[in-house]
Amino acid sequence: MSSNSLAAVDLGSNSFHMVVARRVDNELRLVDRMRERVQLAAGLDANQELTAEAQERALLCLGRMGQRLRDLAPDKVRAVGTNTLRKAKNAPEFLKRAREALGHPIEIIAGLEEARLIYLGVSHFLADEETRRLVIDIGGGSTECIVGEGSQVLEADSLHMGCVSYSLRFFPDGELRRKHLRAAELAARLELRTLERRFRSLGWDVAYGASGTVHAISNVLRQNEWTEGEITPNGLRQLRKAILAAGHRDQLSLPGLKSERAAVLAGGVAILQALFESLGIKELRTSKTALREGVLLDLDGRGAQKEVREQTIRRLMVQYRIDLDQADRVERTATYLLQRVAEAWDLGDSEAKRLLRWAARLHEVGLVINYSSYHKHGAYLLENAHMAGFSNDARTRLAALVRLHRRKLTGSDLASYTILNKPRYLRLGVLLRLAVLLNRGRSPRPLPYFGVEASPEGVTFDFPPEWLEEHPLTVEDLRVERGLLEARGVTLQVSPNSE
């Protein structure tokens, strides 16, 4: 496969999608596409765990996709999991097997991140660049709603309702009765109350729908000559009548309706009807692009100077009024330490550098709440903040480093960050701690040049003797830190020995 190829994989609640594109003359051209109906959401049992059968379907699909992607470098592929993998209690165990099948890492993204990527995928390929748009995407387990202008998201939300989950909930035996359809619509209206006023106040010029449910409904409306393909209130009324006339999903046979879509059509129509009623939609156009194209575009932009994750970090620094000078001092020191220990600690990759830099910039984010335990407050904020461009795992890694940057390295709250049991992330946390410690005085004067030597067991600092004499508090901090690090099996030595 070409070296300038990129691929995106979308592990949706109903179907898995893969798209491969090649960069040609400053544009991405699609060269391969693959879709399989996996029904992951239907594979959640009463304990919210993926059944063995659902996992096997998913793994077989990912194995086939992996054959297409085996020649692509890791930084050329991005795979994302959505609502069902957010909900499944056994998702971590499944993801280990899924990564092996695909041959590439898989991220679980938050609902708002999914919405951002959907909007990116839809808006990029529209000609009316400056038009304000409403974009909706009814998936198998969630529905994303976004209002944006040009390439910018103005408002976004992700709701816990999808065509698969609603079909299972309101039509479990397959019967298509009016009372069940209306119950599904009312439940969706209740979900939409959280965004109805916000979205209506913003307004939009044109509305687009993305992904399978919208495309299936549009196709049925066109094939039955109820509309020319656009979705309208009248077209939905005609479709609702046809669904109720069938009486059962097994009897639901309409021109333009694929047999695989019949089982989840009623749930999808109920959600779309509620969207039309709540938001006052008069016409919904269809978009050929959606989440996977957004993932592809986002991946393509990760080498750009204004990469979205950098913008997110800057936004948080401004939002939480972080001391920019102190963040810069800590970042410079942490970067220097990383350069000196990278080979011995196996931290020479770009991901380690980015994560440490971001943690250095945000290590004081918790001060916005209180100085006391601000490292814990900061971790909580980062775990729960909407961080555009960051997967759930990436957000957790960043939060773990911020939590680890001061005080004890053991405790019940730290135990919840299982990634810190991996030497890689513990070592990044140690570097951040030492960078913060050496800049505790918040002095604008730069640190002196000092030597750094690393071994797999720990690190040794070689400071100018006169500097240590002038900074007795730092010497004491280093002495205390040595004991804390030893509790996690990391040695710290300071030369010359000032004790």
Protein backbone atom coordinates (compact mmCIF):
# COMPACT_ATOMS: atom_id res chain seq x y z
CA MET A 1 0.00 0.00 0.00
CA SER A 2 1.24 3.52 -0.82
CA SER A 3 3.29 5.31 1.84
CA ASN A 4 0.98 8.34 1.61
CA SER A 5 -2.15 6.29 2.36
CA LEU A 6 -4.27 6.78 5.47
CA ALA A 7 -7.01 4.60 6.92
CA ALA A 8 -9.86 5.07 9.39
CA VAL A 9 -11.86 2.33 11.09
CA ASP A 10 -15.20 3.04 12.80
CA LEU A 11 -16.37 0.35 15.22
CA GLY A 12 -20.02 1.39 15.32
CA SER A 13 -22.81 -0.12 17.37
CA ASN A 14 -24.49 -1.62 14.30
CA SER A 15 -21.80 -1.76 11.59
CA PHE A 16 -18.03 -1.55 11.31
CA HIS A 17 -16.64 0.70 8.57
CA MET A 18 -13.18 1.09 7.08
CA VAL A 19 -12.05 3.71 4.60
CA VAL A 20 -8.61 4.07 3.01
CA ALA A 21 -7.52 7.22 1.20
CA ARG A 22 -4.39 8.42 -0.54
CA ARG A 23 -3.10 11.98 -0.48
CA VAL A 24 -2.82 13.28 -4.05
CA ASP A 25 -2.09 16.94 -4.85
CA ASN A 26 -3.19 18.22 -1.44
CA GLU A 27 -6.43 16.25 -1.31
CA LEU A 28 -7.51 12.86 0.04
CA ARG A 29 -8.81 10.44 -2.56
CA LEU A 30 -10.72 7.36 -1.44
CA VAL A 31 -9.10 4.15 -2.69
CA ASP A 32 -10.86 1.49 -0.61
CA ARG A 33 -13.95 1.07 1.51
CA MET A 34 -15.34 -1.79 3.58
CA ARG A 35 -18.51 -2.17 5.66
CA GLU A 36 -19.84 -5.09 7.64
CA ARG A 37 -22.94 -5.36 9.79
CA VAL A 38 -21.66 -6.63 13.14
CA GLN A 39 -24.60 -5.73 15.45
CA LEU A 40 -22.39 -5.01 18.43
CA ALA A 41 -25.15 -3.21 20.35
CA ALA A 42 -27.46 -6.20 19.96
CA GLY A 43 -24.71 -8.28 21.57
CA LEU A 44 -24.90 -6.53 24.95
CA ASP A 45 -26.41 -8.86 27.56
CA ALA A 46 -28.40 -7.95 30.68
CA ASN A 47 -25.13 -7.25 32.55
CA GLN A 48 -23.99 -4.82 29.85
CA GLU A 49 -21.29 -7.18 28.67
CA LEU A 50 -20.57 -8.20 25.09
CA THR A 51 -21.60 -11.80 24.47
CA ALA A 52 -19.12 -14.30 23.10
CA GLU A 53 -21.08 -14.42 19.83
CA ALA A 54 -20.97 -10.65 19.36
CA GLN A 55 -17.25 -10.59 20.10
CA GLU A 56 -16.62 -13.34 17.57
CA ARG A 57 -18.53 -11.46 14.86
CA ALA A 58 -16.53 -8.34 15.60
CA LEU A 59 -13.16 -10.12 15.68
CA LEU A 60 -13.76 -11.87 12.37
CA CYS A 61 -14.67 -8.53 10.77
CA LEU A 62 -11.62 -6.79 12.25
CA GLY A 63 -9.41 -9.61 11.05
CA ARG A 64 -10.61 -9.08 7.49
CA MET A 65 -10.06 -5.33 7.77
CA GLY A 66 -6.65 -5.95 9.28
CA GLN A 67 -5.60 -7.84 6.16
CA ARG A 68 -6.16 -4.65 4.16
CA LEU A 69 -4.25 -2.51 6.66
CA ARG A 70 -1.29 -4.71 7.56
CA ASP A 71 1.16 -2.73 5.40
CA LEU A 72 0.26 0.67 6.87
CA ALA A 73 2.39 2.20 9.63
CA PRO A 74 0.70 2.69 13.02
CA ASP A 75 0.58 6.48 12.61
CA LYS A 76 -1.31 6.06 9.32
CA VAL A 77 -4.28 4.23 10.86
CA ARG A 78 -6.81 5.40 13.41
CA ALA A 79 -9.52 3.08 14.73
CA VAL A 80 -12.27 4.37 17.04
CA GLY A 81 -14.95 2.66 19.09
CA THR A 82 -18.24 4.38 19.89
CA ASN A 83 -21.31 3.99 22.11
CA THR A 84 -21.46 0.23 22.62
CA LEU A 85 -17.79 0.02 23.52
CA ARG A 86 -18.28 2.98 25.85
CA LYS A 87 -21.01 1.02 27.63
CA ALA A 88 -19.67 -2.55 27.61
CA LYS A 89 -18.20 -3.53 30.97
CA ASN A 90 -15.90 -6.07 29.37
CA ALA A 91 -14.68 -3.66 26.68
CA PRO A 92 -11.06 -3.61 27.98
CA GLU A 93 -10.75 -7.40 27.63
CA PHE A 94 -12.41 -7.36 24.21
CA LEU A 95 -10.17 -4.52 22.98
CA LYS A 96 -7.02 -6.55 23.66
CA ARG A 97 -8.24 -9.23 21.25
CA ALA A 98 -9.63 -6.62 18.84
CA ARG A 99 -6.28 -4.88 18.55
CA GLU A 100 -4.60 -8.16 17.74
CA ALA A 101 -7.20 -8.92 15.06
CA LEU A 102 -6.95 -5.48 13.44
CA GLY A 103 -3.21 -5.12 13.89
CA HIS A 104 -3.59 -1.53 15.10
CA PRO A 105 -4.60 0.24 18.36
CA ILE A 106 -8.28 1.01 18.93
CA GLU A 107 -9.44 4.11 20.82
CA ILE A 108 -12.78 4.47 22.56
CA ILE A 109 -13.94 8.03 22.00
CA ALA A 110 -16.40 10.05 24.09
CA GLY A 111 -19.76 11.06 22.68
CA LEU A 112 -18.79 14.70 22.19
CA GLU A 113 -15.60 13.68 20.42
CA GLU A 114 -17.68 11.45 18.17
CA ALA A 115 -19.94 14.42 17.41
CA ARG A 116 -16.95 16.62 16.55
CA LEU A 117 -15.55 14.03 14.17
CA ILE A 118 -18.94 13.48 12.52
CA TYR A 119 -19.27 17.20 11.88
CA LEU A 120 -15.73 17.32 10.50
CA GLY A 121 -16.52 14.45 8.16
CA VAL A 122 -19.78 16.01 6.95
CA SER A 123 -18.77 19.67 6.70
CA HIS A 124 -15.47 19.12 4.88
CA PHE A 125 -17.18 17.78 1.78
CA LEU A 126 -19.95 20.39 1.52
CA ALA A 127 -19.72 23.27 -0.93
CA ASP A 128 -21.59 25.82 1.23
CA GLU A 129 -18.62 26.35 3.53
CA GLU A 130 -19.88 29.34 5.50
CA THR A 131 -23.45 28.12 5.91
CA ARG A 132 -24.71 27.35 9.42
CA ARG A 133 -25.72 23.70 9.53
CA LEU A 134 -27.47 21.21 11.73
CA VAL A 135 -25.92 17.74 11.45
CA ILE A 136 -27.51 14.65 12.98
CA ASP A 137 -26.24 11.08 13.02
CA ILE A 138 -28.47 8.28 14.35
CA GLY A 139 -26.21 5.35 15.13
CA GLY A 140 -26.93 1.98 16.62
CA GLY A 141 -26.51 3.08 20.23
CA SER A 142 -26.27 6.87 20.26
CA THR A 143 -27.41 9.92 18.36
CA GLU A 144 -25.12 12.89 17.77
CA CYS A 145 -26.46 16.38 17.09
CA ILE A 146 -24.25 19.28 16.05
CA VAL A 147 -24.74 22.87 14.97
CA GLY A 148 -21.77 24.34 13.17
CA GLU A 149 -20.73 27.11 10.85
CA GLY A 150 -18.13 26.43 8.21
CA SER A 151 -15.63 24.08 9.83
CA GLN A 152 -16.36 25.22 13.39
CA VAL A 153 -18.63 23.38 15.84
CA LEU A 154 -20.86 25.83 17.70
CA GLU A 155 -22.85 23.35 19.79
CA ALA A 156 -22.78 19.56 20.06
CA ASP A 157 -24.39 16.79 22.08
CA SER A 158 -24.42 13.01 22.17
CA LEU A 159 -27.60 11.29 23.33
CA HIS A 160 -28.11 7.75 24.63
CA MET A 161 -30.50 6.58 21.95
CA GLY A 162 -29.91 4.66 18.76
CA CYS A 163 -31.75 2.58 16.18
CA VAL A 164 -30.59 -0.74 17.66
CA SER A 165 -31.08 0.13 21.34
CA TYR A 166 -34.53 1.65 20.73
CA SER A 167 -35.66 -1.23 18.52
CA LEU A 168 -34.67 -3.72 21.23
CA ARG A 169 -36.25 -1.61 23.96
CA PHE A 170 -39.60 -0.71 22.39
CA PHE A 171 -40.13 -3.49 19.83
CA PRO A 172 -38.50 -6.52 21.54
CA ASP A 173 -40.86 -9.10 20.04
CA GLY A 174 -40.89 -7.49 16.61
CA GLU A 175 -44.48 -6.25 16.81
CA LEU A 176 -44.94 -2.80 15.29
CA ARG A 177 -47.84 -1.22 17.16
CA ARG A 178 -48.82 2.43 17.32
CA LYS A 179 -48.49 2.62 21.11
CA HIS A 180 -44.96 1.21 20.98
CA LEU A 181 -43.92 3.59 18.23
CA ARG A 182 -45.31 6.57 20.11
CA ALA A 183 -43.63 5.43 23.35
CA ALA A 184 -40.31 5.34 21.53
CA GLU A 185 -40.90 8.81 20.09
CA LEU A 186 -41.81 10.24 23.51
CA ALA A 187 -38.71 8.69 25.09
CA ALA A 188 -36.60 10.30 22.38
CA ARG A 189 -38.33 13.64 22.94
CA LEU A 190 -37.38 13.44 26.62
CA GLU A 191 -33.74 12.80 25.68
CA LEU A 192 -33.82 15.80 23.36
CA ARG A 193 -35.08 18.20 26.02
CA THR A 194 -31.49 18.74 27.16
CA LEU A 195 -30.53 20.34 23.85
CA GLU A 196 -33.78 21.59 22.31
CA ARG A 197 -33.58 25.19 23.55
CA ARG A 198 -29.83 25.55 22.90
CA PHE A 199 -30.05 24.31 19.35
CA ARG A 200 -33.19 26.24 18.42
CA SER A 201 -31.68 29.48 19.75
CA LEU A 202 -28.65 29.04 17.48
CA GLY A 203 -30.68 28.19 14.40
CA TRP A 204 -29.34 26.87 11.09
CA ASP A 205 -29.76 27.33 7.37
CA VAL A 206 -29.74 23.70 6.29
CA ALA A 207 -29.92 20.31 8.02
CA TYR A 208 -27.97 17.18 7.08
CA GLY A 209 -28.27 13.60 8.24
CA ALA A 210 -25.41 11.12 8.15
CA SER A 211 -24.91 7.35 8.38
CA GLY A 212 -27.05 4.27 7.97
CA THR A 213 -30.41 5.14 9.51
CA VAL A 214 -30.79 8.41 7.62
CA HIS A 215 -29.60 6.86 4.36
CA ALA A 216 -32.00 3.92 4.73
CA ILE A 217 -34.97 6.20 5.37
CA SER A 218 -34.01 8.50 2.51
CA ASN A 219 -33.76 5.54 0.14
CA VAL A 220 -37.19 4.21 1.13
CA LEU A 221 -38.79 7.63 0.68
CA ARG A 222 -37.25 7.97 -2.77
CA GLN A 223 -38.07 4.45 -3.94
CA ASN A 224 -41.69 4.85 -2.85
CA GLU A 225 -41.87 8.31 -4.48
CA TRP A 226 -42.86 9.94 -1.21
CA THR A 227 -40.02 12.44 -1.69
CA GLU A 228 -37.11 12.80 -4.09
CA GLY A 229 -34.73 11.56 -1.40
CA GLU A 230 -34.84 14.41 1.08
CA ILE A 231 -36.54 13.60 4.40
CA THR A 232 -39.59 15.72 5.24
CA PRO A 233 -42.33 15.61 7.89
CA ASN A 234 -44.80 14.34 5.30
CA GLY A 235 -42.39 11.68 4.08
CA LEU A 236 -41.89 10.47 7.66
CA ARG A 237 -45.67 10.28 8.16
CA GLN A 238 -45.97 8.08 5.07
CA LEU A 239 -43.20 5.83 6.33
CA ARG A 240 -44.74 5.55 9.80
CA LYS A 241 -48.03 4.43 8.26
CA ALA A 242 -46.24 1.77 6.22
CA ILE A 243 -44.40 0.48 9.30
CA LEU A 244 -47.60 0.21 11.32
CA ALA A 245 -49.42 -1.42 8.41
CA ALA A 246 -46.79 -4.18 8.32
CA GLY A 247 -47.58 -5.05 11.95
CA HIS A 248 -44.35 -6.99 12.48
CA ARG A 249 -40.74 -6.42 11.48
CA ASP A 250 -40.69 -9.76 9.66
CA GLN A 251 -43.48 -8.46 7.42
CA LEU A 252 -41.80 -5.13 6.80
CA SER A 253 -40.99 -5.16 3.11
CA LEU A 254 -40.76 -1.83 1.31
CA PRO A 255 -39.13 -0.82 -1.96
CA GLY A 256 -35.64 0.45 -1.14
CA LEU A 257 -35.45 -1.23 2.30
CA LYS A 258 -32.67 -3.76 2.77
CA SER A 259 -33.61 -6.84 4.77
CA GLU A 260 -30.81 -6.21 7.29
CA ARG A 261 -32.19 -2.75 8.06
CA ALA A 262 -35.80 -3.87 8.65
CA ALA A 263 -35.10 -5.10 12.18
CA VAL A 264 -33.93 -1.67 13.39
CA LEU A 265 -35.95 0.65 11.15
CA ALA A 266 -38.75 1.35 13.64
CA GLY A 267 -36.33 2.49 16.35
CA GLY A 268 -34.52 4.74 13.91
CA VAL A 269 -37.75 6.26 12.54
CA ALA A 270 -38.98 6.98 16.09
CA ILE A 271 -35.78 8.86 16.91
CA LEU A 272 -35.86 10.81 13.65
CA GLN A 273 -39.51 11.72 14.17
CA ALA A 274 -38.64 13.06 17.63
CA LEU A 275 -35.77 15.08 16.16
CA PHE A 276 -38.09 16.64 13.60
CA GLU A 277 -40.63 17.52 16.30
CA SER A 278 -38.17 18.79 18.92
CA LEU A 279 -35.98 20.84 16.59
CA GLY A 280 -38.60 21.90 14.07
CA ILE A 281 -36.77 20.36 11.11
CA LYS A 282 -38.54 21.03 7.81
CA GLU A 283 -36.18 19.13 5.54
CA LEU A 284 -33.21 16.86 6.11
CA ARG A 285 -30.66 16.32 3.37
CA THR A 286 -28.36 13.32 3.35
CA SER A 287 -24.58 13.44 3.66
CA LYS A 288 -22.45 10.81 1.98
CA THR A 289 -19.75 11.25 4.61
CA ALA A 290 -19.77 10.75 8.38
CA LEU A 291 -17.61 9.60 11.29
CA ARG A 292 -15.03 7.55 9.38
CA GLU A 293 -14.30 10.41 6.99
CA GLY A 294 -13.98 12.73 9.99
CA VAL A 295 -11.52 10.34 11.62
CA LEU A 296 -9.56 10.20 8.36
CA LEU A 297 -9.41 13.99 8.08
CA ASP A 298 -8.45 14.36 11.74
CA LEU A 299 -5.67 11.82 11.29
CA ASP A 300 -4.45 13.65 8.19
CA GLY A 301 -4.32 16.90 10.17
CA ARG A 302 -2.26 15.54 13.06
CA GLY A 303 0.95 16.64 11.42
CA ALA A 304 -0.33 20.17 10.95
CA GLN A 305 0.84 23.04 13.12
CA LYS A 306 -2.67 23.77 14.37
CA GLU A 307 -3.46 20.19 15.24
CA VAL A 308 -6.72 19.98 17.19
CA ARG A 309 -5.18 18.46 20.32
CA GLU A 310 -2.75 21.36 20.63
CA GLN A 311 -5.67 23.74 20.32
CA THR A 312 -7.49 21.83 23.06
CA ILE A 313 -4.53 22.11 25.43
CA ARG A 314 -4.24 25.86 24.77
CA ARG A 315 -7.97 26.32 25.33
CA LEU A 316 -7.81 24.56 28.70
CA MET A 317 -4.80 26.63 29.76
CA VAL A 318 -6.75 29.82 29.07
CA GLN A 319 -10.03 28.51 30.47
CA TYR A 320 -8.48 27.51 33.80
CA ARG A 321 -6.11 30.51 34.02
CA ILE A 322 -2.94 28.49 34.23
CA ASP A 323 0.29 30.35 35.01
CA LEU A 324 1.77 30.25 31.50
CA ASP A 325 5.29 31.14 32.61
CA GLN A 326 5.40 28.33 35.17
CA ALA A 327 3.90 25.86 32.70
CA ASP A 328 6.60 26.81 30.20
CA ARG A 329 9.38 26.35 32.78
CA VAL A 330 8.12 22.91 33.76
CA GLU A 331 7.64 21.90 30.12
CA ARG A 332 11.20 22.92 29.17
CA THR A 333 12.70 21.02 32.11
CA ALA A 334 10.56 17.94 31.50
CA THR A 335 11.53 17.93 27.82
CA TYR A 336 15.21 18.19 28.72
CA LEU A 337 14.92 15.29 31.18
CA LEU A 338 13.11 13.20 28.59
CA GLN A 339 15.85 13.78 26.04
CA ARG A 340 18.49 12.57 28.49
CA VAL A 341 16.68 9.42 29.67
CA ALA A 342 14.81 8.47 26.47
CA GLU A 343 17.12 5.65 25.40
CA ALA A 344 17.57 4.02 28.82
CA TRP A 345 13.85 4.31 29.66
CA ASP A 346 12.52 3.44 26.20
CA LEU A 347 10.73 6.78 25.82
CA GLY A 348 12.10 7.96 22.50
CA ASP A 349 8.80 7.99 20.60
CA SER A 350 6.77 11.08 19.72
CA GLU A 351 3.75 9.95 21.75
CA ALA A 352 5.76 10.01 24.97
CA LYS A 353 7.07 13.50 24.21
CA ARG A 354 3.61 14.87 23.43
CA LEU A 355 2.01 13.36 26.51
CA LEU A 356 4.72 14.69 28.84
CA ARG A 357 4.57 18.17 27.29
CA TRP A 358 0.78 18.31 27.62
CA ALA A 359 0.92 17.11 31.23
CA ALA A 360 3.54 19.75 32.03
CA ARG A 361 1.35 22.48 30.60
CA LEU A 362 -1.73 21.31 32.51
CA HIS A 363 -0.20 20.09 35.78
CA GLU A 364 -1.62 23.07 37.72
CA VAL A 365 -5.10 22.95 36.18
CA GLY A 366 -6.58 21.86 39.54
CA LEU A 367 -5.62 25.15 41.19
CA VAL A 368 -8.81 26.60 39.76
CA ILE A 369 -10.65 24.60 42.44
CA ASN A 370 -8.32 24.74 45.45
CA TYR A 371 -4.61 24.55 46.26
CA SER A 372 -5.25 21.71 48.68
CA SER A 373 -4.97 18.44 46.71
CA TYR A 374 -4.90 20.37 43.45
CA HIS A 375 -3.20 17.43 41.75
CA LYS A 376 -6.32 15.36 42.46
CA HIS A 377 -8.64 18.15 41.35
CA GLY A 378 -6.65 18.48 38.13
CA ALA A 379 -6.89 14.77 37.38
CA TYR A 380 -10.65 14.87 37.96
CA LEU A 381 -11.09 17.84 35.64
CA LEU A 382 -9.14 16.21 32.84
CA GLU A 383 -10.95 12.89 33.23
CA ASN A 384 -14.31 14.60 32.85
CA ALA A 385 -13.59 17.50 30.48
CA HIS A 386 -14.52 17.46 26.82
CA MET A 387 -11.13 17.39 25.11
CA ALA A 388 -11.45 17.61 21.35
CA GLY A 389 -9.06 15.25 19.59
CA PHE A 390 -8.45 13.05 22.65
CA SER A 391 -9.71 9.50 23.05
CA ASN A 392 -10.96 8.34 26.45
CA ASP A 393 -7.70 6.43 27.00
CA ALA A 394 -5.55 9.43 26.07
CA ARG A 395 -7.52 11.63 28.46
CA THR A 396 -7.06 9.05 31.23
CA ARG A 397 -3.30 8.87 30.60
CA LEU A 398 -3.02 12.64 30.82
CA ALA A 399 -5.10 12.74 34.00
CA ALA A 400 -2.94 10.01 35.55
CA LEU A 401 0.27 11.98 34.97
CA VAL A 402 -1.27 15.14 36.45
CA ARG A 403 -2.42 13.16 39.49
CA LEU A 404 1.06 11.67 39.91
CA HIS A 405 3.02 14.90 39.68
CA ARG A 406 3.19 15.60 43.44
CA ARG A 407 2.84 14.07 46.88
CA LYS A 408 2.72 10.29 47.46
CA LEU A 409 3.01 7.78 44.65
CA THR A 410 0.71 5.31 46.35
CA GLY A 411 -2.90 5.54 47.47
CA SER A 412 -6.39 4.26 46.71
CA ASP A 413 -7.08 6.94 44.13
CA LEU A 414 -3.79 6.27 42.33
CA ALA A 415 -4.56 2.56 42.29
CA SER A 416 -7.47 3.29 39.96
CA TYR A 417 -4.99 4.48 37.32
CA THR A 418 -3.89 1.02 36.23
CA ILE A 419 -1.75 2.45 33.44
CA LEU A 420 0.71 3.64 36.12
CA ASN A 421 1.57 -0.01 36.69
CA LYS A 422 3.25 0.09 33.28
CA PRO A 423 6.88 1.28 33.47
CA ARG A 424 6.34 3.63 30.51
CA TYR A 425 3.75 5.83 32.21
CA LEU A 426 5.28 5.59 35.67
CA ARG A 427 8.54 6.86 34.18
CA LEU A 428 6.79 9.75 32.43
CA GLY A 429 5.17 10.60 35.76
CA VAL A 430 8.57 10.57 37.47
CA LEU A 431 9.97 12.99 34.88
CA LEU A 432 7.04 15.34 35.41
CA ARG A 433 7.47 15.18 39.20
CA LEU A 434 11.16 16.04 38.93
CA ALA A 435 10.50 18.89 36.49
CA VAL A 436 7.89 20.37 38.85
CA LEU A 437 10.17 19.93 41.86
CA LEU A 438 13.12 21.68 40.21
CA ASN A 439 10.89 24.63 39.32
CA ARG A 440 9.03 24.83 42.61
CA GLY A 441 10.53 28.24 43.34
CA ARG A 442 8.82 29.64 40.22
CA SER A 443 11.94 31.69 39.54
CA PRO A 444 12.28 33.40 36.14
CA ARG A 445 16.01 32.60 36.30
CA PRO A 446 16.75 29.48 34.23
CA LEU A 447 18.05 26.35 35.88
CA PRO A 448 21.80 25.77 35.52
CA TYR A 449 23.06 23.10 33.19
CA PHE A 450 23.08 19.81 35.07
CA GLY A 451 23.96 16.31 34.04
CA VAL A 452 21.41 13.52 33.83
CA GLU A 453 22.21 9.84 33.59
CA ALA A 454 19.59 7.11 33.48
CA SER A 455 19.54 3.36 33.95
CA PRO A 456 16.54 1.03 33.90
CA GLU A 457 16.45 1.31 37.70
CA GLY A 458 16.52 5.09 38.05
CA VAL A 459 18.17 8.43 37.38
CA THR A 460 21.19 10.39 38.63
CA PHE A 461 21.48 14.19 38.65
CA ASP A 462 24.82 15.99 38.65
CA PHE A 463 24.32 19.62 39.75
CA PRO A 464 26.90 22.39 40.12
CA PRO A 465 27.90 22.31 43.83
CA GLU A 466 27.41 26.06 44.27
CA TRP A 467 23.85 25.84 42.95
CA LEU A 468 22.96 23.16 45.49
CA GLU A 469 24.42 25.34 48.26
CA GLU A 470 22.24 28.26 47.12
CA HIS A 471 19.09 26.13 47.01
CA PRO A 472 18.82 24.18 50.28
CA LEU A 473 15.03 23.82 49.91
CA THR A 474 15.46 22.09 46.57
CA VAL A 475 18.05 19.79 48.14
CA GLU A 476 15.55 18.88 50.85
CA ASP A 477 12.80 18.33 48.27
CA LEU A 478 15.09 15.99 46.35
CA ARG A 479 15.87 14.07 49.53
CA VAL A 480 12.17 13.57 50.27
CA GLU A 481 11.49 12.70 46.65
CA ARG A 482 14.13 10.00 46.72
CA GLY A 483 12.20 8.17 49.44
CA LEU A 484 8.89 8.53 47.60
CA LEU A 485 10.36 7.16 44.37
CA GLU A 486 11.95 4.24 46.15
CA ALA A 487 8.48 3.16 47.22
CA ARG A 488 7.73 2.58 43.51
CA GLY A 489 11.08 0.94 42.74
CA VAL A 490 12.75 3.98 41.15
CA THR A 491 16.13 5.21 42.40
CA LEU A 492 17.14 8.88 42.51
CA GLN A 493 20.70 9.97 43.16
CA VAL A 494 22.02 13.53 43.40
CA SER A 495 25.67 14.41 42.87
CA PRO A 496 27.51 15.88 44.59
CA ASN A 497 26.00 14.38 47.71
CA SER A 498 24.90 17.31 49.82
CA GLU A 499 23.84 15.34 52.84
